[in-house]
C-alpha atoms as a PDB file:
ATOM      1  CA  MET A   1     -12.261 -13.298   5.743  1.00  0.00           C
ATOM      2  CA  LYS A   2      -8.680 -14.305   5.004  1.00  0.00           C
ATOM      3  CA  VAL A   3      -6.600 -11.349   3.858  1.00  0.00           C
ATOM      4  CA  SER A   4      -3.247 -11.123   2.083  1.00  0.00           C
ATOM      5  CA  VAL A   5      -1.208  -8.018   2.893  1.00  0.00           C
ATOM      6  CA  ILE A   6       1.294  -7.361   0.093  1.00  0.00           C
ATOM      7  CA  VAL A   7       4.312  -5.164   0.817  1.00  0.00           C
ATOM      8  CA  PRO A   8       6.809  -4.346  -1.958  1.00  0.00           C
ATOM      9  CA  THR A   9      10.349  -3.648  -0.810  1.00  0.00           C
ATOM     10  CA  TYR A  10      13.676  -2.655  -2.328  1.00  0.00           C
ATOM     11  CA  LYS A  11      16.934  -2.231  -0.401  1.00  0.00           C
ATOM     12  CA  ASP A  12      15.392  -0.934   2.842  1.00  0.00           C
ATOM     13  CA  THR A  13      15.543  -3.763   5.367  1.00  0.00           C
ATOM     14  CA  ASP A  14      15.307  -1.344   8.318  1.00  0.00           C
ATOM     15  CA  ALA A  15      11.911  -0.101   7.143  1.00  0.00           C
ATOM     16  CA  LEU A  16      10.809  -3.675   6.466  1.00  0.00           C
ATOM     17  CA  LYS A  17      11.586  -4.627  10.072  1.00  0.00           C
ATOM     18  CA  LEU A  18       9.483  -1.704  11.328  1.00  0.00           C
ATOM     19  CA  ILE A  19       6.626  -2.722   9.035  1.00  0.00           C
ATOM     20  CA  LEU A  20       6.627  -6.312  10.259  1.00  0.00           C
ATOM     21  CA  ASN A  21       6.679  -5.121  13.871  1.00  0.00           C
ATOM     22  CA  ALA A  22       3.697  -2.862  13.166  1.00  0.00           C
ATOM     23  CA  LEU A  23       1.816  -5.718  11.483  1.00  0.00           C
ATOM     24  CA  GLU A  24       2.311  -7.794  14.635  1.00  0.00           C
ATOM     25  CA  GLN A  25       0.173  -5.192  16.441  1.00  0.00           C
ATOM     26  CA  GLN A  26      -2.832  -5.424  14.120  1.00  0.00           C
ATOM     27  CA  THR A  27      -6.214  -5.753  15.802  1.00  0.00           C
ATOM     28  CA  TYR A  28      -7.475  -7.882  12.886  1.00  0.00           C
ATOM     29  CA  LYS A  29      -5.645 -11.219  12.957  1.00  0.00           C
ATOM     30  CA  ASP A  30      -6.764 -13.325   9.987  1.00  0.00           C
ATOM     31  CA  PHE A  31      -4.144 -12.268   7.472  1.00  0.00           C
ATOM     32  CA  GLU A  32      -0.933 -13.354   5.845  1.00  0.00           C
ATOM     33  CA  VAL A  33       1.897 -11.063   4.769  1.00  0.00           C
ATOM     34  CA  ILE A  34       3.695 -11.358   1.441  1.00  0.00           C
ATOM     35  CA  ILE A  35       6.957  -9.476   1.067  1.00  0.00           C
ATOM     36  CA  ALA A  36       7.413  -8.660  -2.619  1.00  0.00           C
ATOM     37  CA  GLU A  37      11.105  -7.877  -3.076  1.00  0.00           C
ATOM     38  CA  ASP A  38      12.264  -6.309  -6.341  1.00  0.00           C
ATOM     39  CA  ASP A  39      15.671  -7.822  -5.605  1.00  0.00           C
ATOM     40  CA  ASN A  40      17.088 -10.989  -4.095  1.00  0.00           C
ATOM     41  CA  SER A  41      19.176  -9.718  -1.211  1.00  0.00           C
ATOM     42  CA  THR A  42      20.862 -11.951   1.332  1.00  0.00           C
ATOM     43  CA  GLU A  43      20.004  -9.480   4.102  1.00  0.00           C
ATOM     44  CA  VAL A  44      16.244  -9.649   3.537  1.00  0.00           C
ATOM     45  CA  ARG A  45      16.249 -13.404   3.010  1.00  0.00           C
ATOM     46  CA  GLU A  46      18.224 -14.078   6.216  1.00  0.00           C
ATOM     47  CA  TYR A  47      16.037 -11.728   8.249  1.00  0.00           C
ATOM     48  CA  ILE A  48      12.802 -13.332   7.044  1.00  0.00           C
ATOM     49  CA  ASP A  49      14.190 -16.848   7.571  1.00  0.00           C
ATOM     50  CA  GLY A  50      14.943 -15.983  11.191  1.00  0.00           C
ATOM     51  CA  TYR A  51      11.713 -14.086  11.849  1.00  0.00           C
ATOM     52  CA  HIS A  52       8.765 -15.966  13.351  1.00  0.00           C
ATOM     53  CA  PRO A  53       5.736 -13.682  13.488  1.00  0.00           C
ATOM     54  CA  SER A  54       2.215 -14.464  14.627  1.00  0.00           C
ATOM     55  CA  PHE A  55       0.994 -14.321  11.019  1.00  0.00           C
ATOM     56  CA  ASP A  56       1.947 -16.422   7.992  1.00  0.00           C
ATOM     57  CA  LEU A  57       4.847 -14.784   6.165  1.00  0.00           C
ATOM     58  CA  LYS A  58       5.831 -15.357   2.534  1.00  0.00           C
ATOM     59  CA  HIS A  59       8.679 -13.901   0.518  1.00  0.00           C
ATOM     60  CA  VAL A  60       8.652 -13.567  -3.263  1.00  0.00           C
ATOM     61  CA  PHE A  61      11.652 -12.053  -5.010  1.00  0.00           C
ATOM     62  CA  GLN A  62      13.492 -11.655  -8.295  1.00  0.00           C
ATOM     63  CA  GLU A  63      16.879 -10.638  -9.608  1.00  0.00           C
ATOM     64  CA  ASP A  64      17.549  -6.886  -9.529  1.00  0.00           C
ATOM     65  CA  LYS A  65      17.400  -5.839 -13.190  1.00  0.00           C
ATOM     66  CA  GLY A  66      16.181  -2.296 -12.657  1.00  0.00           C
ATOM     67  CA  TRP A  67      12.621  -1.259 -11.795  1.00  0.00           C
ATOM     68  CA  ARG A  68      10.336  -4.304 -12.042  1.00  0.00           C
ATOM     69  CA  LYS A  69       7.993  -3.680  -9.134  1.00  0.00           C
ATOM     70  CA  THR A  70       4.868  -4.652 -11.070  1.00  0.00           C
ATOM     71  CA  ARG A  71       6.374  -8.036 -11.953  1.00  0.00           C
ATOM     72  CA  VAL A  72       7.073  -8.974  -8.347  1.00  0.00           C
ATOM     73  CA  LEU A  73       3.658  -7.657  -7.275  1.00  0.00           C
ATOM     74  CA  ASN A  74       2.077 -10.036  -9.761  1.00  0.00           C
ATOM     75  CA  GLN A  75       4.122 -12.854  -8.245  1.00  0.00           C
ATOM     76  CA  ALA A  76       2.729 -11.868  -4.850  1.00  0.00           C
ATOM     77  CA  ILE A  77      -0.860 -11.924  -6.161  1.00  0.00           C
ATOM     78  CA  LYS A  78      -0.299 -15.447  -7.492  1.00  0.00           C
ATOM     79  CA  ALA A  79       1.120 -16.526  -4.127  1.00  0.00           C
ATOM     80  CA  ALA A  80      -1.703 -14.919  -2.147  1.00  0.00           C
ATOM     81  CA  GLU A  81      -4.081 -17.303  -0.368  1.00  0.00           C
ATOM     82  CA  GLY A  82      -6.386 -14.552   0.853  1.00  0.00           C
ATOM     83  CA  ASP A  83      -9.649 -13.639  -0.852  1.00  0.00           C
ATOM     84  CA  TYR A  84      -8.871  -9.973  -0.215  1.00  0.00           C
ATOM     85  CA  LEU A  85      -5.633  -8.120  -1.031  1.00  0.00           C
ATOM     86  CA  ILE A  86      -4.235  -5.066   0.757  1.00  0.00           C
ATOM     87  CA  PHE A  87      -1.311  -3.221  -0.820  1.00  0.00           C
ATOM     88  CA  PHE A  88       0.975  -0.671   0.811  1.00  0.00           C
ATOM     89  CA  ASP A  89       4.519   0.503   0.166  1.00  0.00           C
ATOM     90  CA  GLY A  90       7.727  -0.606   1.842  1.00  0.00           C
ATOM     91  CA  ASP A  91       8.426   2.840   3.314  1.00  0.00           C
ATOM     92  CA  CYS A  92       5.064   3.136   5.119  1.00  0.00           C
ATOM     93  CA  LEU A  93       4.134   2.034   8.645  1.00  0.00           C
ATOM     94  CA  PRO A  94       0.536   0.943   9.358  1.00  0.00           C
ATOM     95  CA  TYR A  95      -1.622   1.840  12.343  1.00  0.00           C
ATOM     96  CA  SER A  96      -2.858  -1.078  14.457  1.00  0.00           C
ATOM     97  CA  THR A  97      -6.334  -0.652  12.891  1.00  0.00           C
ATOM     98  CA  PHE A  98      -5.028  -0.602   9.312  1.00  0.00           C
ATOM     99  CA  VAL A  99      -6.040  -4.121   8.270  1.00  0.00           C
ATOM    100  CA  LYS A 100      -9.277  -4.047  10.293  1.00  0.00           C
ATOM    101  CA  ASN A 101     -10.464  -0.823   8.661  1.00  0.00           C
ATOM    102  CA  HIS A 102      -9.629  -1.985   5.147  1.00  0.00           C
ATOM    103  CA  VAL A 103     -11.653  -5.137   5.801  1.00  0.00           C
ATOM    104  CA  SER A 104     -14.511  -3.181   7.415  1.00  0.00           C
ATOM    105  CA  LEU A 105     -14.813  -1.010   4.311  1.00  0.00           C
ATOM    106  CA  SER A 106     -14.399  -3.806   1.757  1.00  0.00           C
ATOM    107  CA  GLU A 107     -17.093  -4.476  -0.856  1.00  0.00           C
ATOM    108  CA  LYS A 108     -17.133  -6.849  -3.809  1.00  0.00           C
ATOM    109  CA  ASN A 109     -17.271  -4.123  -6.458  1.00  0.00           C
ATOM    110  CA  ARG A 110     -15.145  -1.501  -4.730  1.00  0.00           C
ATOM    111  CA  VAL A 111     -11.427  -0.746  -4.595  1.00  0.00           C
ATOM    112  CA  VAL A 112     -10.731   0.826  -1.212  1.00  0.00           C
ATOM    113  CA  CYS A 113      -8.342   3.773  -1.554  1.00  0.00           C
ATOM    114  CA  GLY A 114      -6.310   5.438   1.191  1.00  0.00           C
ATOM    115  CA  ARG A 115      -3.560   7.968   1.752  1.00  0.00           C
ATOM    116  CA  ARG A 116      -0.619   8.459   4.125  1.00  0.00           C
ATOM    117  CA  VAL A 117       0.969  11.032   6.418  1.00  0.00           C
ATOM    118  CA  ASN A 118       4.268  12.181   4.911  1.00  0.00           C
ATOM    119  CA  LEU A 119       6.571  12.466   7.909  1.00  0.00           C
ATOM    120  CA  GLY A 120       9.450  14.895   8.252  1.00  0.00           C
ATOM    121  CA  ASP A 121      13.103  13.969   8.763  1.00  0.00           C
ATOM    122  CA  MET A 122      13.275  14.040  12.576  1.00  0.00           C
ATOM    123  CA  ILE A 123      10.287  11.794  13.242  1.00  0.00           C
ATOM    124  CA  SER A 124      11.309   9.447  10.432  1.00  0.00           C
ATOM    125  CA  PHE A 125      14.765   9.211  12.023  1.00  0.00           C
ATOM    126  CA  ALA A 126      13.279   8.577  15.473  1.00  0.00           C
ATOM    127  CA  LEU A 127      11.112   5.751  14.110  1.00  0.00           C
ATOM    128  CA  ARG A 128      14.006   4.149  12.274  1.00  0.00           C
ATOM    129  CA  ASN A 129      16.123   4.315  15.434  1.00  0.00           C
ATOM    130  CA  ARG A 130      13.378   2.868  17.666  1.00  0.00           C
ATOM    131  CA  GLU A 131      13.204   6.020  19.780  1.00  0.00           C
ATOM    132  CA  ILE A 132       9.435   5.979  19.156  1.00  0.00           C
ATOM    133  CA  ASN A 133       7.091   3.556  17.427  1.00  0.00           C
ATOM    134  CA  VAL A 134       4.029   3.897  15.260  1.00  0.00           C
ATOM    135  CA  GLY A 135       1.755   2.798  18.114  1.00  0.00           C
ATOM    136  CA  GLU A 136       2.852   5.727  20.265  1.00  0.00           C
ATOM    137  CA  ILE A 137       2.090   8.191  17.473  1.00  0.00           C
ATOM    138  CA  GLU A 138      -1.270   6.530  16.792  1.00  0.00           C
ATOM    139  CA  ALA A 139      -2.312   6.519  20.459  1.00  0.00           C
ATOM    140  CA  ASN A 140      -1.335  10.152  21.063  1.00  0.00           C
ATOM    141  CA  TYR A 141      -1.992  11.693  17.693  1.00  0.00           C
ATOM    142  CA  PHE A 142      -3.427  14.994  18.884  1.00  0.00           C
ATOM    143  CA  ARG A 143      -0.613  15.373  21.402  1.00  0.00           C
ATOM    144  CA  ASN A 144       1.933  14.746  18.633  1.00  0.00           C
ATOM    145  CA  TYR A 145       0.262  17.083  16.146  1.00  0.00           C
ATOM    146  CA  SER A 146       2.491  20.079  16.918  1.00  0.00           C
ATOM    147  CA  LYS A 147       5.635  17.906  16.695  1.00  0.00           C
ATOM    148  CA  LEU A 148       4.534  16.621  13.302  1.00  0.00           C
ATOM    149  CA  LYS A 149       3.861  20.167  12.154  1.00  0.00           C
ATOM    150  CA  GLN A 150       7.229  21.458  13.390  1.00  0.00           C
ATOM    151  CA  ASP A 151       8.997  18.580  11.652  1.00  0.00           C
ATOM    152  CA  GLY A 152       7.558  19.576   8.299  1.00  0.00           C
ATOM    153  CA  SER A 153       5.229  16.591   8.019  1.00  0.00           C
ATOM    154  CA  ARG A 154       2.625  16.894   5.272  1.00  0.00           C
ATOM    155  CA  HIS A 155      -0.985  15.697   5.076  1.00  0.00           C
ATOM    156  CA  ILE A 156      -1.098  15.421   8.860  1.00  0.00           C
ATOM    157  CA  GLU A 157      -4.900  15.167   8.801  1.00  0.00           C
ATOM    158  CA  GLN A 158      -4.513  11.733   7.172  1.00  0.00           C
ATOM    159  CA  GLY A 159      -3.413  10.374  10.552  1.00  0.00           C
ATOM    160  CA  LEU A 160      -6.878  10.824  12.045  1.00  0.00           C
ATOM    161  CA  ASP A 161      -8.756   7.534  12.490  1.00  0.00           C
ATOM    162  CA  ILE A 162     -12.352   8.689  12.787  1.00  0.00           C
ATOM    163  CA  LEU A 163     -13.825   5.349  11.705  1.00  0.00           C
ATOM    164  CA  SER A 164     -12.641   3.708  14.922  1.00  0.00           C
ATOM    165  CA  TRP A 165     -14.230   6.356  17.140  1.00  0.00           C
ATOM    166  CA  SER A 166     -17.579   4.858  18.120  1.00  0.00           C
ATOM    167  CA  PHE A 167     -19.030   8.245  19.014  1.00  0.00           C
ATOM    168  CA  ILE A 168     -18.455   9.643  15.531  1.00  0.00           C
ATOM    169  CA  PRO A 169     -21.539   9.003  13.352  1.00  0.00           C
ATOM    170  CA  LYS A 170     -20.892   7.031  10.179  1.00  0.00           C
ATOM    171  CA  PHE A 171     -22.298   9.801   7.990  1.00  0.00           C
ATOM    172  CA  LEU A 172     -19.485  12.099   9.184  1.00  0.00           C
ATOM    173  CA  PHE A 173     -16.909   9.571   8.003  1.00  0.00           C
ATOM    174  CA  GLU A 174     -18.623   9.444   4.621  1.00  0.00           C
ATOM    175  CA  LEU A 175     -18.682  13.245   4.487  1.00  0.00           C
ATOM    176  CA  PHE A 176     -14.900  13.417   4.907  1.00  0.00           C
ATOM    177  CA  ASN A 177     -14.238  10.755   2.289  1.00  0.00           C
ATOM    178  CA  ARG A 178     -15.334  12.083  -1.069  1.00  0.00           C
ATOM    179  CA  ASN A 179     -13.456  12.486  -4.338  1.00  0.00           C
ATOM    180  CA  ILE A 180     -10.791   9.847  -3.698  1.00  0.00           C
ATOM    181  CA  ARG A 181      -8.311   8.515  -6.269  1.00  0.00           C
ATOM    182  CA  LEU A 182      -6.352   5.288  -6.104  1.00  0.00           C
ATOM    183  CA  VAL A 183      -2.694   5.598  -5.087  1.00  0.00           C
ATOM    184  CA  GLY A 184      -0.375   2.620  -5.076  1.00  0.00           C
ATOM    185  CA  CYS A 185       0.872   3.176  -1.524  1.00  0.00           C
ATOM    186  CA  ASN A 186      -2.478   2.297   0.110  1.00  0.00           C
ATOM    187  CA  PHE A 187      -5.345   0.377  -1.485  1.00  0.00           C
ATOM    188  CA  SER A 188      -7.239  -2.899  -1.243  1.00  0.00           C
ATOM    189  CA  VAL A 189      -9.481  -4.992  -3.472  1.00  0.00           C
ATOM    190  CA  TYR A 190     -10.744  -8.549  -3.868  1.00  0.00           C
ATOM    191  CA  LYS A 191      -8.191 -10.855  -5.450  1.00  0.00           C
ATOM    192  CA  SER A 192     -10.726 -12.034  -8.017  1.00  0.00           C
ATOM    193  CA  LYS A 193     -10.958  -8.480  -9.395  1.00  0.00           C
ATOM    194  CA  MET A 194      -7.178  -8.175  -9.801  1.00  0.00           C
ATOM    195  CA  VAL A 195      -7.152 -11.534 -11.569  1.00  0.00           C
ATOM    196  CA  GLU A 196      -9.979 -10.360 -13.852  1.00  0.00           C
ATOM    197  CA  ILE A 197      -7.817  -7.478 -15.164  1.00  0.00           C
ATOM    198  CA  ASN A 198      -4.712  -9.727 -15.160  1.00  0.00           C
ATOM    199  CA  GLY A 199      -3.015  -7.799 -12.356  1.00  0.00           C
ATOM    200  CA  PHE A 200      -0.429  -5.064 -12.765  1.00  0.00           C
ATOM    201  CA  ASP A 201       0.713  -4.174 -16.285  1.00  0.00           C
ATOM    202  CA  GLU A 202       4.409  -5.042 -16.530  1.00  0.00           C
ATOM    203  CA  GLY A 203       4.643  -3.330 -19.915  1.00  0.00           C
ATOM    204  CA  TYR A 204       5.345   0.147 -18.527  1.00  0.00           C
ATOM    205  CA  PRO A 205       9.090   0.866 -18.559  1.00  0.00           C
ATOM    206  CA  THR A 206       9.086   2.857 -15.293  1.00  0.00           C
ATOM    207  CA  GLY A 207       7.121   3.023 -12.076  1.00  0.00           C
ATOM    208  CA  ASP A 208       5.025   6.108 -12.539  1.00  0.00           C
ATOM    209  CA  ILE A 209       1.350   5.254 -13.324  1.00  0.00           C
ATOM    210  CA  ALA A 210       1.846   1.461 -13.526  1.00  0.00           C
ATOM    211  CA  ASP A 211       0.849   0.690  -9.935  1.00  0.00           C
ATOM    212  CA  ASP A 212      -1.940   3.220  -9.420  1.00  0.00           C
ATOM    213  CA  VAL A 213      -3.476   5.248 -12.285  1.00  0.00           C
ATOM    214  CA  ASP A 214      -3.379   2.338 -14.727  1.00  0.00           C
ATOM    215  CA  ILE A 215      -4.836  -0.073 -12.168  1.00  0.00           C
ATOM    216  CA  GLU A 216      -7.549   2.451 -11.296  1.00  0.00           C
ATOM    217  CA  TRP A 217      -8.912   2.916 -14.812  1.00  0.00           C
ATOM    218  CA  ARG A 218      -8.930  -0.804 -15.558  1.00  0.00           C
ATOM    219  CA  LEU A 219     -10.732  -1.667 -12.299  1.00  0.00           C
ATOM    220  CA  ASN A 220     -13.219   1.168 -12.815  1.00  0.00           C
ATOM    221  CA  ALA A 221     -13.854  -0.058 -16.358  1.00  0.00           C
ATOM    222  CA  ILE A 222     -14.955  -3.509 -15.127  1.00  0.00           C
ATOM    223  CA  GLY A 223     -17.302  -1.926 -12.591  1.00  0.00           C
ATOM    224  CA  VAL A 224     -15.015  -1.855  -9.534  1.00  0.00           C
ATOM    225  CA  TYR A 225     -15.321   1.725  -8.321  1.00  0.00           C
ATOM    226  CA  ASN A 226     -13.309   3.720  -5.794  1.00  0.00           C
ATOM    227  CA  LYS A 227     -14.243   3.887  -2.131  1.00  0.00           C
ATOM    228  CA  SER A 228     -12.285   5.912   0.391  1.00  0.00           C
ATOM    229  CA  CYS A 229     -10.540   4.688   3.521  1.00  0.00           C
ATOM    230  CA  LYS A 230      -9.084   8.099   4.336  1.00  0.00           C
ATOM    231  CA  TYR A 231      -9.084   8.787   8.090  1.00  0.00           C
ATOM    232  CA  ALA A 232      -9.434   5.048   8.677  1.00  0.00           C
ATOM    233  CA  ALA A 233      -6.728   2.803   7.158  1.00  0.00           C
ATOM    234  CA  ASN A 234      -3.808   5.041   8.082  1.00  0.00           C
ATOM    235  CA  LEU A 235      -0.111   4.922   7.234  1.00  0.00           C
ATOM    236  CA  LEU A 236       2.944   6.915   8.278  1.00  0.00           C
ATOM    237  CA  HIS A 237       5.396   7.449   5.401  1.00  0.00           C
ATOM    238  CA  LEU A 238       9.095   7.544   6.276  1.00  0.00           C
ATOM    239  CA  ASN A 239      10.740  10.527   4.616  1.00  0.00           C
ATOM    240  CA  HIS A 240      13.408  10.044   1.943  1.00  0.00           C
ATOM    241  CA  ASP A 241      14.844  11.827  -1.077  1.00  0.00           C
ATOM    242  CA  ARG A 242      12.551  12.087  -4.094  1.00  0.00           C
ATOM    243  CA  ILE A 243      13.274  12.264  -7.796  1.00  0.00           C
ATOM    244  CA  ASP A 244      11.496  14.234 -10.509  1.00  0.00           C
ATOM    245  CA  ARG A 245       9.097  11.805 -12.196  1.00  0.00           C
ATOM    246  CA  LYS A 246       7.446  14.170 -14.669  1.00  0.00           C
ATOM    247  CA  PRO A 247       9.296  12.838 -17.766  1.00  0.00           C
ATOM    248  CA  GLN A 248       8.349   9.278 -16.741  1.00  0.00           C
ATOM    249  CA  HIS A 249       4.786  10.345 -16.025  1.00  0.00           C
ATOM    250  CA  ASP A 250       4.288  11.978 -19.419  1.00  0.00           C
ATOM    251  CA  LYS A 251       5.656   8.976 -21.303  1.00  0.00           C
ATOM    252  CA  ASN A 252       3.668   6.425 -19.330  1.00  0.00           C
ATOM    253  CA  TYR A 253       0.502   8.508 -19.427  1.00  0.00           C
ATOM    254  CA  ALA A 254       0.639   8.615 -23.233  1.00  0.00           C
ATOM    255  CA  GLU A 255       1.100   4.843 -23.286  1.00  0.00           C
ATOM    256  CA  MET A 256      -1.866   4.386 -20.963  1.00  0.00           C
ATOM    257  CA  LEU A 257      -4.099   6.564 -23.168  1.00  0.00           C
ATOM    258  CA  ALA A 258      -3.208   4.375 -26.137  1.00  0.00           C
ATOM    259  CA  LYS A 259      -4.316   1.299 -24.167  1.00  0.00           C
ATOM    260  CA  GLN A 260      -7.527   3.024 -23.158  1.00  0.00           C
ATOM    261  CA  LYS A 261      -8.311   3.738 -26.822  1.00  0.00           C
ATOM    262  CA  ILE A 262      -8.340   0.027 -27.613  1.00  0.00           C
ATOM    263  CA  ASN A 263     -10.090  -0.761 -24.303  1.00  0.00           C
ATOM    264  CA  GLN A 264      -7.281  -3.035 -23.119  1.00  0.00           C
ATOM    265  CA  LEU A 265      -8.805  -3.774 -19.714  1.00  0.00           C
ATOM    266  CA  ARG A 266      -6.940  -7.040 -19.318  1.00  0.00           C
ATOM    267  CA  CYS A 267      -3.264  -6.231 -19.678  1.00  0.00           C
ATOM    268  CA  VAL A 268      -1.149  -8.352 -22.004  1.00  0.00           C
ATOM    269  CA  ASN A 269       1.893  -8.528 -19.737  1.00  0.00           C
ATOM    270  CA  GLY A 270       0.406  -9.255 -16.330  1.00  0.00           C
ATOM    271  CA  ILE A 271      -0.206 -12.207 -13.997  1.00  0.00           C
ATOM    272  CA  GLU A 272      -0.605 -14.311 -17.120  1.00  0.00           C
ATOM    273  CA  LYS A 273       1.477 -13.477 -20.190  1.00  0.00           C
ATOM    274  CA  LEU A 274      -1.183 -13.287 -22.910  1.00  0.00           C
END
């Protein structure tokens, strides 16, 4: 199955380089990568023009007019040639089994939902400075556990890849993967299902909800239900400063509830402008 891996990015070329290097190491090979840049920076464009990976690489972009992530993600969906779409954020580094495990867990009427390990400052710094790489952490995860803990990493258990361990029965994987919600940093779904709901809703004024909670309810409403890829399709999140999103969340959540009331499953301002 041909897969399109879609990676949004904004003013973090160093992380983008690490991501592309990690994607070179994927055990599953039949995929393309689409960089969805919410900007049009010379630095990213020149790097991609000079980069010649083993996979097909596309770059969609737009002028920086504030937060318009959903718009450029919809551009990426339109550009995607794969039947199956995998989304993860531009500050996350994938394990070598990331694409393979998303594909292994894929089903026509399922959206496959994952999580990430939130790294601390020291390990994030070491990754950015090429002192270590994601493959070394993946290969020696138990040995690195205490370092992750000491560095203040959170959700460390999300770095366990039990699906790839042949001696772990499948029922144990299922046992660990209940009650999962969709988060925008790590999910996958068939392209046809994203087209059916008209992609991401560009009508939300800010990022909170637009690329996860809103997508989740609209997919669920057309019969595409959540399936977990926790402990399977793993990501390491590079630490950075965070902002308080509660005011954004409350405003966007109220707007989403209004759309739910009228059963607006196919968003008006999406892949197609209805």
